[in-house]
Amino acid sequence: RAARATRTIVTAGVPAGLLQDDVMADILTIHFQMSRNNGGDVEEVTYPTRNKGVAYITFEDQEVVESVLKKDQHLLQDKRLPRHYPLTVTRYCDNVSSSLIHLIML
């Protein structure tokens, strides 16, 4: 089993404040488990985080991270959301996550 960091992605663009946090975590889990999103078994969703609109998704297998990252665009959609939300998905790494979040906040 690969180290946790290598099985985790950073997801930015999560609509904050629309739904309860646990509902949004469920929606993210469903999104990243769907085969049409190149997903797979989700071990854990960390949401909310210290950064508004950012979630960490940890998968059971590292291969799922690779396939999720290959998908061109992730659109978060669910009947509980008023519209589709484009997500920015990147590999987890301490430096990347903080610089990416900084860019998004600008």
N, C-alpha and C. Protein backbone atom coordinates (compact mmCIF):
# COMPACT_ATOMS: atom_id res chain seq x y z
N ARG A 1 0.85 -1.19 0.00
CA ARG A 1 0.00 0.00 0.00
C ARG A 1 0.88 1.24 0.00
N ALA A 2 0.63 2.12 -0.94
CA ALA A 2 1.47 3.31 -1.10
C ALA A 2 1.23 4.29 0.05
N ALA A 3 2.21 5.13 0.28
CA ALA A 3 2.10 6.16 1.33
C ALA A 3 0.88 7.03 1.06
N ARG A 4 0.30 7.51 2.13
CA ARG A 4 -0.94 8.30 2.03
C ARG A 4 -0.80 9.49 1.07
N ALA A 5 0.30 10.22 1.15
CA ALA A 5 0.47 11.41 0.31
C ALA A 5 0.41 11.07 -1.17
N THR A 6 0.92 9.91 -1.55
CA THR A 6 0.92 9.54 -2.97
C THR A 6 -0.45 9.06 -3.44
N ARG A 7 -1.36 8.84 -2.50
CA ARG A 7 -2.72 8.43 -2.85
C ARG A 7 -3.72 9.56 -2.70
N THR A 8 -3.21 10.79 -2.53
CA THR A 8 -4.09 11.93 -2.25
C THR A 8 -3.99 12.97 -3.36
N ILE A 9 -5.14 13.57 -3.69
CA ILE A 9 -5.17 14.70 -4.63
C ILE A 9 -5.73 15.92 -3.90
N VAL A 10 -5.39 17.09 -4.44
CA VAL A 10 -5.92 18.35 -3.93
C VAL A 10 -6.97 18.81 -4.93
N THR A 11 -8.15 19.12 -4.44
CA THR A 11 -9.24 19.57 -5.30
C THR A 11 -9.62 20.99 -4.90
N ALA A 12 -9.49 21.91 -5.84
CA ALA A 12 -9.86 23.31 -5.59
C ALA A 12 -11.07 23.65 -6.44
N GLY A 13 -11.82 24.64 -5.99
CA GLY A 13 -13.01 25.06 -6.71
C GLY A 13 -14.29 24.47 -6.14
N VAL A 14 -14.18 23.82 -4.98
CA VAL A 14 -15.36 23.26 -4.32
C VAL A 14 -16.24 24.42 -3.87
N PRO A 15 -17.52 24.42 -4.25
CA PRO A 15 -18.38 25.55 -3.85
C PRO A 15 -18.58 25.57 -2.34
N ALA A 16 -18.09 26.60 -1.71
CA ALA A 16 -18.15 26.70 -0.24
C ALA A 16 -19.43 27.40 0.19
N GLY A 17 -20.00 26.93 1.29
CA GLY A 17 -21.13 27.62 1.89
C GLY A 17 -22.48 27.30 1.29
N LEU A 18 -22.55 26.45 0.25
CA LEU A 18 -23.83 26.14 -0.36
C LEU A 18 -24.58 25.06 0.41
N LEU A 19 -23.83 24.06 0.84
CA LEU A 19 -24.42 22.91 1.51
C LEU A 19 -23.66 22.65 2.81
N GLN A 20 -24.21 21.78 3.63
CA GLN A 20 -23.49 21.41 4.85
C GLN A 20 -22.21 20.67 4.44
N ASP A 21 -21.18 20.81 5.26
CA ASP A 21 -19.87 20.23 4.93
C ASP A 21 -19.93 18.73 4.69
N ASP A 22 -20.70 18.01 5.50
CA ASP A 22 -20.75 16.56 5.32
C ASP A 22 -21.46 16.18 4.02
N VAL A 23 -22.44 16.98 3.60
CA VAL A 23 -23.12 16.74 2.33
C VAL A 23 -22.15 16.98 1.17
N MET A 24 -21.38 18.06 1.25
CA MET A 24 -20.40 18.34 0.20
C MET A 24 -19.35 17.24 0.14
N ALA A 25 -18.92 16.75 1.29
CA ALA A 25 -17.94 15.64 1.31
C ALA A 25 -18.52 14.41 0.63
N ASP A 26 -19.82 14.15 0.84
CA ASP A 26 -20.49 13.02 0.17
C ASP A 26 -20.49 13.22 -1.34
N ILE A 27 -20.82 14.42 -1.78
CA ILE A 27 -20.87 14.71 -3.22
C ILE A 27 -19.49 14.52 -3.84
N LEU A 28 -18.45 14.97 -3.15
CA LEU A 28 -17.08 14.78 -3.64
C LEU A 28 -16.72 13.30 -3.70
N THR A 29 -17.11 12.55 -2.68
CA THR A 29 -16.84 11.11 -2.67
C THR A 29 -17.48 10.45 -3.88
N ILE A 30 -18.74 10.76 -4.13
CA ILE A 30 -19.46 10.17 -5.27
C ILE A 30 -18.76 10.55 -6.58
N HIS A 31 -18.42 11.83 -6.72
CA HIS A 31 -17.76 12.30 -7.95
C HIS A 31 -16.49 11.50 -8.24
N PHE A 32 -15.65 11.34 -7.22
CA PHE A 32 -14.35 10.71 -7.45
C PHE A 32 -14.42 9.18 -7.42
N GLN A 33 -15.59 8.62 -7.15
CA GLN A 33 -15.75 7.17 -7.27
C GLN A 33 -16.30 6.77 -8.63
N MET A 34 -16.86 7.73 -9.37
CA MET A 34 -17.48 7.42 -10.66
C MET A 34 -16.44 7.08 -11.71
N SER A 35 -16.74 6.03 -12.48
CA SER A 35 -15.81 5.63 -13.54
C SER A 35 -15.72 6.70 -14.63
N ARG A 36 -16.82 7.44 -14.85
CA ARG A 36 -16.76 8.47 -15.91
C ARG A 36 -15.80 9.61 -15.54
N ASN A 37 -15.46 9.70 -14.26
CA ASN A 37 -14.48 10.70 -13.81
C ASN A 37 -13.11 10.06 -13.60
N ASN A 38 -12.92 8.86 -14.17
CA ASN A 38 -11.68 8.09 -14.01
C ASN A 38 -11.42 7.75 -12.54
N GLY A 39 -12.47 7.72 -11.75
CA GLY A 39 -12.33 7.54 -10.31
C GLY A 39 -12.17 6.10 -9.86
N GLY A 40 -12.19 5.94 -8.54
CA GLY A 40 -12.06 4.64 -7.93
C GLY A 40 -12.42 4.74 -6.46
N ASP A 41 -12.06 3.72 -5.71
CA ASP A 41 -12.45 3.69 -4.30
C ASP A 41 -11.79 4.82 -3.50
N VAL A 42 -12.64 5.63 -2.86
CA VAL A 42 -12.17 6.74 -2.05
C VAL A 42 -12.03 6.26 -0.61
N GLU A 43 -10.85 6.48 -0.05
CA GLU A 43 -10.62 6.11 1.35
C GLU A 43 -11.14 7.20 2.28
N GLU A 44 -10.85 8.46 1.91
CA GLU A 44 -11.24 9.56 2.80
C GLU A 44 -11.33 10.87 2.03
N VAL A 45 -12.29 11.70 2.42
CA VAL A 45 -12.41 13.06 1.91
C VAL A 45 -12.20 14.00 3.09
N THR A 46 -11.23 14.90 2.95
CA THR A 46 -10.99 15.90 3.99
C THR A 46 -11.59 17.21 3.52
N TYR A 47 -12.72 17.57 4.10
CA TYR A 47 -13.43 18.79 3.75
C TYR A 47 -14.33 19.16 4.92
N PRO A 48 -14.37 20.40 5.34
CA PRO A 48 -13.57 21.51 4.83
C PRO A 48 -12.13 21.45 5.32
N THR A 49 -11.30 22.26 4.67
CA THR A 49 -9.90 22.39 5.07
C THR A 49 -9.66 23.84 5.50
N ARG A 50 -8.43 24.16 5.86
CA ARG A 50 -8.12 25.54 6.25
C ARG A 50 -8.32 26.50 5.08
N ASN A 51 -8.27 25.96 3.86
CA ASN A 51 -8.39 26.80 2.66
C ASN A 51 -9.80 26.67 2.08
N LYS A 52 -10.47 27.78 1.95
CA LYS A 52 -11.85 27.79 1.47
C LYS A 52 -11.93 27.19 0.06
N GLY A 53 -12.88 26.30 -0.14
CA GLY A 53 -13.10 25.72 -1.46
C GLY A 53 -12.12 24.62 -1.83
N VAL A 54 -11.33 24.15 -0.87
CA VAL A 54 -10.32 23.12 -1.15
C VAL A 54 -10.64 21.86 -0.35
N ALA A 55 -10.52 20.71 -1.03
CA ALA A 55 -10.71 19.42 -0.37
C ALA A 55 -9.55 18.51 -0.72
N TYR A 56 -9.26 17.58 0.17
CA TYR A 56 -8.24 16.56 -0.09
C TYR A 56 -8.97 15.22 -0.24
N ILE A 57 -8.69 14.53 -1.32
CA ILE A 57 -9.31 13.24 -1.58
C ILE A 57 -8.22 12.18 -1.54
N THR A 58 -8.37 11.19 -0.66
CA THR A 58 -7.40 10.10 -0.57
C THR A 58 -8.06 8.83 -1.10
N PHE A 59 -7.39 8.19 -2.06
CA PHE A 59 -7.92 6.97 -2.68
C PHE A 59 -7.29 5.74 -2.05
N GLU A 60 -7.95 4.60 -2.26
CA GLU A 60 -7.41 3.32 -1.78
C GLU A 60 -6.13 2.98 -2.55
N ASP A 61 -6.12 3.27 -3.85
CA ASP A 61 -4.99 2.89 -4.71
C ASP A 61 -4.36 4.08 -5.39
N GLN A 62 -3.05 4.05 -5.49
CA GLN A 62 -2.32 5.15 -6.14
C GLN A 62 -2.66 5.24 -7.62
N GLU A 63 -2.98 4.10 -8.27
CA GLU A 63 -3.30 4.12 -9.70
C GLU A 63 -4.50 5.03 -9.99
N VAL A 64 -5.43 5.10 -9.04
CA VAL A 64 -6.61 5.94 -9.24
C VAL A 64 -6.21 7.41 -9.33
N VAL A 65 -5.23 7.80 -8.53
CA VAL A 65 -4.73 9.18 -8.58
C VAL A 65 -4.27 9.50 -10.00
N GLU A 66 -3.49 8.59 -10.58
CA GLU A 66 -2.97 8.82 -11.94
C GLU A 66 -4.12 8.96 -12.94
N SER A 67 -5.13 8.10 -12.86
CA SER A 67 -6.21 8.17 -13.84
C SER A 67 -7.08 9.42 -13.64
N VAL A 68 -7.30 9.80 -12.38
CA VAL A 68 -8.09 11.02 -12.11
C VAL A 68 -7.36 12.24 -12.66
N LEU A 69 -6.04 12.28 -12.52
CA LEU A 69 -5.26 13.42 -13.01
C LEU A 69 -5.25 13.50 -14.53
N LYS A 70 -5.49 12.37 -15.20
CA LYS A 70 -5.47 12.36 -16.68
C LYS A 70 -6.75 12.94 -17.26
N LYS A 71 -7.81 12.99 -16.48
CA LYS A 71 -9.08 13.52 -17.00
C LYS A 71 -8.93 15.03 -17.24
N ASP A 72 -9.36 15.47 -18.42
CA ASP A 72 -9.19 16.87 -18.80
C ASP A 72 -9.89 17.84 -17.86
N GLN A 73 -11.17 17.60 -17.63
CA GLN A 73 -11.90 18.54 -16.78
C GLN A 73 -12.82 17.78 -15.85
N HIS A 74 -12.80 18.17 -14.60
CA HIS A 74 -13.72 17.61 -13.62
C HIS A 74 -14.81 18.64 -13.35
N LEU A 75 -16.05 18.24 -13.61
CA LEU A 75 -17.19 19.11 -13.32
C LEU A 75 -17.97 18.47 -12.18
N LEU A 76 -18.05 19.18 -11.08
CA LEU A 76 -18.80 18.68 -9.93
C LEU A 76 -20.28 18.93 -10.20
N GLN A 77 -21.06 17.85 -10.28
CA GLN A 77 -22.49 18.01 -10.52
C GLN A 77 -23.27 17.06 -9.61
N ASP A 78 -24.36 17.58 -9.11
CA ASP A 78 -25.21 16.81 -8.22
C ASP A 78 -26.55 17.54 -8.17
N LYS A 79 -27.62 16.79 -8.00
CA LYS A 79 -28.94 17.43 -7.98
C LYS A 79 -29.09 18.42 -6.83
N ARG A 80 -28.25 18.29 -5.81
CA ARG A 80 -28.32 19.22 -4.67
C ARG A 80 -27.57 20.53 -4.94
N LEU A 81 -26.82 20.59 -6.05
CA LEU A 81 -26.08 21.80 -6.40
C LEU A 81 -26.85 22.60 -7.45
N PRO A 82 -26.81 23.94 -7.38
CA PRO A 82 -27.56 24.76 -8.34
C PRO A 82 -27.00 24.72 -9.77
N ARG A 83 -25.73 24.37 -9.91
CA ARG A 83 -25.12 24.31 -11.25
C ARG A 83 -23.90 23.40 -11.18
N HIS A 84 -23.22 23.27 -12.33
CA HIS A 84 -21.98 22.48 -12.36
C HIS A 84 -20.81 23.36 -11.96
N TYR A 85 -19.89 22.78 -11.22
CA TYR A 85 -18.72 23.54 -10.75
C TYR A 85 -17.44 22.88 -11.28
N PRO A 86 -16.64 23.64 -12.06
CA PRO A 86 -15.36 23.08 -12.51
C PRO A 86 -14.38 22.98 -11.34
N LEU A 87 -13.70 21.84 -11.26
CA LEU A 87 -12.74 21.62 -10.19
C LEU A 87 -11.33 21.61 -10.76
N THR A 88 -10.39 22.12 -9.99
CA THR A 88 -8.98 22.02 -10.33
C THR A 88 -8.41 20.88 -9.49
N VAL A 89 -7.88 19.88 -10.17
CA VAL A 89 -7.39 18.68 -9.48
C VAL A 89 -5.89 18.56 -9.69
N THR A 90 -5.13 18.48 -8.61
CA THR A 90 -3.68 18.35 -8.70
C THR A 90 -3.19 17.29 -7.73
N ARG A 91 -2.00 16.81 -8.01
CA ARG A 91 -1.35 15.83 -7.14
C ARG A 91 -1.04 16.50 -5.80
N TYR A 92 -1.20 15.77 -4.72
CA TYR A 92 -0.90 16.32 -3.40
C TYR A 92 0.61 16.38 -3.19
N CYS A 93 1.05 17.51 -2.72
CA CYS A 93 2.44 17.67 -2.31
C CYS A 93 2.47 18.98 -1.55
N ASP A 94 3.18 19.04 -0.47
CA ASP A 94 3.10 20.21 0.41
C ASP A 94 3.35 21.52 -0.34
N ASN A 95 4.36 21.54 -1.21
CA ASN A 95 4.67 22.79 -1.91
C ASN A 95 3.60 23.13 -2.92
N VAL A 96 3.19 22.14 -3.71
CA VAL A 96 2.22 22.40 -4.77
C VAL A 96 0.91 22.88 -4.17
N SER A 97 0.45 22.22 -3.11
CA SER A 97 -0.86 22.60 -2.60
C SER A 97 -0.86 24.05 -2.10
N SER A 98 0.17 24.46 -1.42
CA SER A 98 0.15 25.84 -0.91
C SER A 98 0.30 26.86 -2.04
N SER A 99 1.13 26.58 -3.04
CA SER A 99 1.29 27.56 -4.12
C SER A 99 0.05 27.58 -5.00
N LEU A 100 -0.56 26.43 -5.24
CA LEU A 100 -1.79 26.38 -6.05
C LEU A 100 -2.89 27.14 -5.34
N ILE A 101 -3.03 26.93 -4.06
CA ILE A 101 -4.08 27.59 -3.29
C ILE A 101 -3.83 29.10 -3.30
N HIS A 102 -2.58 29.50 -3.21
CA HIS A 102 -2.26 30.91 -3.26
C HIS A 102 -2.71 31.51 -4.60
N LEU A 103 -2.44 30.79 -5.71
CA LEU A 103 -2.85 31.28 -7.03
C LEU A 103 -4.37 31.41 -7.13
N ILE A 104 -5.06 30.44 -6.60
CA ILE A 104 -6.52 30.44 -6.68
C ILE A 104 -7.10 31.60 -5.88
N MET A 105 -6.45 31.92 -4.78
CA MET A 105 -6.95 32.98 -3.92
C MET A 105 -6.72 34.37 -4.51
N LEU A 106 -5.83 34.49 -5.48
CA LEU A 106 -5.51 35.81 -6.06
C LEU A 106 -6.68 36.35 -6.87
